[in-house]
C-alpha atoms as a PDB file:
ATOM      1  CA  MET A   1       0.000   0.000   0.000  1.00  0.00           C
ATOM      2  CA  THR A   2       1.761   3.146  -1.159  1.00  0.00           C
ATOM      3  CA  ASP A   3      -1.214   5.408  -1.800  1.00  0.00           C
ATOM      4  CA  GLU A   4      -1.272   8.228   0.773  1.00  0.00           C
ATOM      5  CA  LYS A   5      -5.020   8.811   0.172  1.00  0.00           C
ATOM      6  CA  MET A   6      -5.675   5.143   1.009  1.00  0.00           C
ATOM      7  CA  TRP A   7      -3.679   5.550   4.241  1.00  0.00           C
ATOM      8  CA  TYR A   8      -5.660   8.692   5.106  1.00  0.00           C
ATOM      9  CA  ASP A   9      -9.037   7.017   4.486  1.00  0.00           C
ATOM     10  CA  TRP A  10      -7.997   3.829   6.287  1.00  0.00           C
ATOM     11  CA  ILE A  11      -6.572   5.491   9.417  1.00  0.00           C
ATOM     12  CA  ARG A  12      -9.494   7.958   9.546  1.00  0.00           C
ATOM     13  CA  HIS A  13     -11.867   4.973   9.588  1.00  0.00           C
ATOM     14  CA  GLN A  14      -9.846   3.318  12.381  1.00  0.00           C
ATOM     15  CA  MET A  15      -9.727   6.564  14.372  1.00  0.00           C
ATOM     16  CA  ALA A  16     -13.523   6.974  14.194  1.00  0.00           C
ATOM     17  CA  LYS A  17     -14.127   3.304  15.026  1.00  0.00           C
ATOM     18  CA  VAL A  18     -11.784   3.269  18.032  1.00  0.00           C
ATOM     19  CA  SER A  19     -12.775   6.662  19.459  1.00  0.00           C
ATOM     20  CA  GLY A  20     -16.497   6.415  18.751  1.00  0.00           C
ATOM     21  CA  GLN A  21     -16.349   9.973  17.387  1.00  0.00           C
ATOM     22  CA  LYS A  22     -17.541  11.320  14.082  1.00  0.00           C
ATOM     23  CA  LEU A  23     -14.447  12.796  12.535  1.00  0.00           C
ATOM     24  CA  GLY A  24     -14.524  15.472   9.898  1.00  0.00           C
ATOM     25  CA  GLN A  25     -11.519  16.451   7.831  1.00  0.00           C
ATOM     26  CA  LEU A  26      -8.269  15.504   9.541  1.00  0.00           C
ATOM     27  CA  GLY A  27      -5.070  17.460   9.605  1.00  0.00           C
ATOM     28  CA  SER A  28      -2.061  15.455   8.484  1.00  0.00           C
ATOM     29  CA  GLU A  29       1.693  15.760   8.451  1.00  0.00           C
ATOM     30  CA  ALA A  30       4.539  13.598   7.197  1.00  0.00           C
ATOM     31  CA  THR A  31       7.860  13.657   9.037  1.00  0.00           C
ATOM     32  CA  LEU A  32      11.128  11.860   8.380  1.00  0.00           C
ATOM     33  CA  LEU A  33      12.427  10.572  11.726  1.00  0.00           C
ATOM     34  CA  GLU A  34      15.283   8.525  13.081  1.00  0.00           C
ATOM     35  CA  LEU A  35      14.078   5.463  15.012  1.00  0.00           C
ATOM     36  CA  SER A  36      15.494   6.982  18.195  1.00  0.00           C
ATOM     37  CA  GLU A  37      13.122   9.954  17.759  1.00  0.00           C
ATOM     38  CA  LEU A  38       9.933   7.856  17.891  1.00  0.00           C
ATOM     39  CA  ASP A  39       7.792   8.286  21.013  1.00  0.00           C
ATOM     40  CA  THR A  40       7.857   4.720  22.300  1.00  0.00           C
ATOM     41  CA  THR A  41       5.035   5.442  24.775  1.00  0.00           C
ATOM     42  CA  LEU A  42       2.686   5.594  21.765  1.00  0.00           C
ATOM     43  CA  LEU A  43       3.905   2.315  20.245  1.00  0.00           C
ATOM     44  CA  PRO A  44       2.666  -1.169  21.127  1.00  0.00           C
ATOM     45  CA  LYS A  45       4.956  -3.029  23.521  1.00  0.00           C
ATOM     46  CA  GLU A  46       5.278  -5.998  21.137  1.00  0.00           C
ATOM     47  CA  VAL A  47       6.641  -3.983  18.199  1.00  0.00           C
ATOM     48  CA  ASP A  48      10.107  -5.133  17.098  1.00  0.00           C
ATOM     49  CA  MET A  49      12.000  -2.405  15.267  1.00  0.00           C
ATOM     50  CA  THR A  50      15.245  -4.338  14.818  1.00  0.00           C
ATOM     51  CA  ASP A  51      14.579  -4.939  11.111  1.00  0.00           C
ATOM     52  CA  TRP A  52      13.414  -1.385  10.409  1.00  0.00           C
ATOM     53  CA  PRO A  53      15.758   1.025   8.631  1.00  0.00           C
ATOM     54  CA  ARG A  54      17.417   3.822  10.600  1.00  0.00           C
ATOM     55  CA  GLN A  55      14.979   6.404   9.176  1.00  0.00           C
ATOM     56  CA  VAL A  56      11.218   6.084   8.723  1.00  0.00           C
ATOM     57  CA  VAL A  57       8.395   8.328   7.570  1.00  0.00           C
ATOM     58  CA  VAL A  58       5.715   9.010  10.167  1.00  0.00           C
ATOM     59  CA  TYR A  59       2.354  10.245   8.939  1.00  0.00           C
ATOM     60  CA  THR A  60       0.266  11.727  11.738  1.00  0.00           C
ATOM     61  CA  TYR A  61      -3.433  12.473  11.466  1.00  0.00           C
ATOM     62  CA  SER A  62      -5.480  14.407  14.001  1.00  0.00           C
ATOM     63  CA  ASN A  63      -8.801  16.031  14.617  1.00  0.00           C
ATOM     64  CA  GLY A  64      -8.925  19.686  15.632  1.00  0.00           C
ATOM     65  CA  SER A  65      -8.936  19.026  19.375  1.00  0.00           C
ATOM     66  CA  LEU A  66      -6.032  16.541  19.213  1.00  0.00           C
ATOM     67  CA  ASP A  67      -7.811  14.075  21.518  1.00  0.00           C
ATOM     68  CA  VAL A  68      -7.673  11.487  18.719  1.00  0.00           C
ATOM     69  CA  LEU A  69      -4.409  10.922  16.852  1.00  0.00           C
ATOM     70  CA  GLY A  70      -3.672   8.388  14.148  1.00  0.00           C
ATOM     71  CA  TYR A  71      -0.289   7.476  12.754  1.00  0.00           C
ATOM     72  CA  VAL A  72       1.253   5.371  10.038  1.00  0.00           C
ATOM     73  CA  ILE A  73       4.959   4.537  10.094  1.00  0.00           C
ATOM     74  CA  SER A  74       6.426   3.505   6.753  1.00  0.00           C
ATOM     75  CA  SER A  75       9.648   3.146   4.838  1.00  0.00           C
ATOM     76  CA  VAL A  76      11.093   6.268   3.249  1.00  0.00           C
ATOM     77  CA  GLU A  77      10.101   4.861  -0.150  1.00  0.00           C
ATOM     78  CA  LEU A  78       6.514   4.411   1.144  1.00  0.00           C
ATOM     79  CA  ASP A  79       6.519   0.803  -0.015  1.00  0.00           C
ATOM     80  CA  VAL A  80       6.423  -0.868   3.416  1.00  0.00           C
ATOM     81  CA  LEU A  81       3.958  -0.158   6.226  1.00  0.00           C
ATOM     82  CA  TYR A  82       5.687  -0.966   9.522  1.00  0.00           C
ATOM     83  CA  LEU A  83       3.085   0.152  12.028  1.00  0.00           C
ATOM     84  CA  ALA A  84      -0.184   2.039  12.345  1.00  0.00           C
ATOM     85  CA  GLY A  85      -1.888   3.174  15.518  1.00  0.00           C
ATOM     86  CA  VAL A  86      -4.681   5.198  17.043  1.00  0.00           C
ATOM     87  CA  VAL A  87      -4.115   7.184  20.224  1.00  0.00           C
ATOM     88  CA  VAL A  88      -7.109   8.489  22.206  1.00  0.00           C
ATOM     89  CA  ASP A  89      -6.506  10.967  25.030  1.00  0.00           C
ATOM     90  CA  GLY A  90      -2.782  10.159  25.012  1.00  0.00           C
ATOM     91  CA  GLU A  91      -3.241   6.372  25.249  1.00  0.00           C
ATOM     92  CA  LEU A  92      -2.628   3.837  22.470  1.00  0.00           C
ATOM     93  CA  ARG A  93      -5.991   2.160  21.828  1.00  0.00           C
ATOM     94  CA  TRP A  94      -5.387   0.302  18.562  1.00  0.00           C
ATOM     95  CA  SER A  95      -2.400  -0.745  16.487  1.00  0.00           C
ATOM     96  CA  GLN A  96      -1.496  -2.918  13.556  1.00  0.00           C
ATOM     97  CA  ILE A  97       2.037  -4.103  13.028  1.00  0.00           C
ATOM     98  CA  GLY A  98       2.938  -4.399   9.350  1.00  0.00           C
ATOM     99  CA  GLY A  99       0.637  -5.673   6.633  1.00  0.00           C
ATOM    100  CA  GLU A 100      -1.902  -3.991   4.470  1.00  0.00           C
ATOM    101  CA  SER A 101      -5.009  -2.031   5.331  1.00  0.00           C
ATOM    102  CA  GLU A 102      -8.361  -3.774   5.709  1.00  0.00           C
END
């Protein structure tokens, strides 16, 4: 899955499902980060980053109030999805390690 619109639609659906909120248009941002810069408190405990490259792209999606945040972590080339998650009120509520969207 390398289509950014697909990621947006998919994570928006997951954010609404997990939070129980109706979400309008989401703000989004893509950032190139070193693995050491990831906020591990928002990652699932079982994630194994040993095979990930040193740098990843993190797409973050949020509603206006920032109480619901979605993220997708991918390769720089956008050809591998490593992790996706939904954070509600600062707590990770859903994640998917690797794979394709539903």
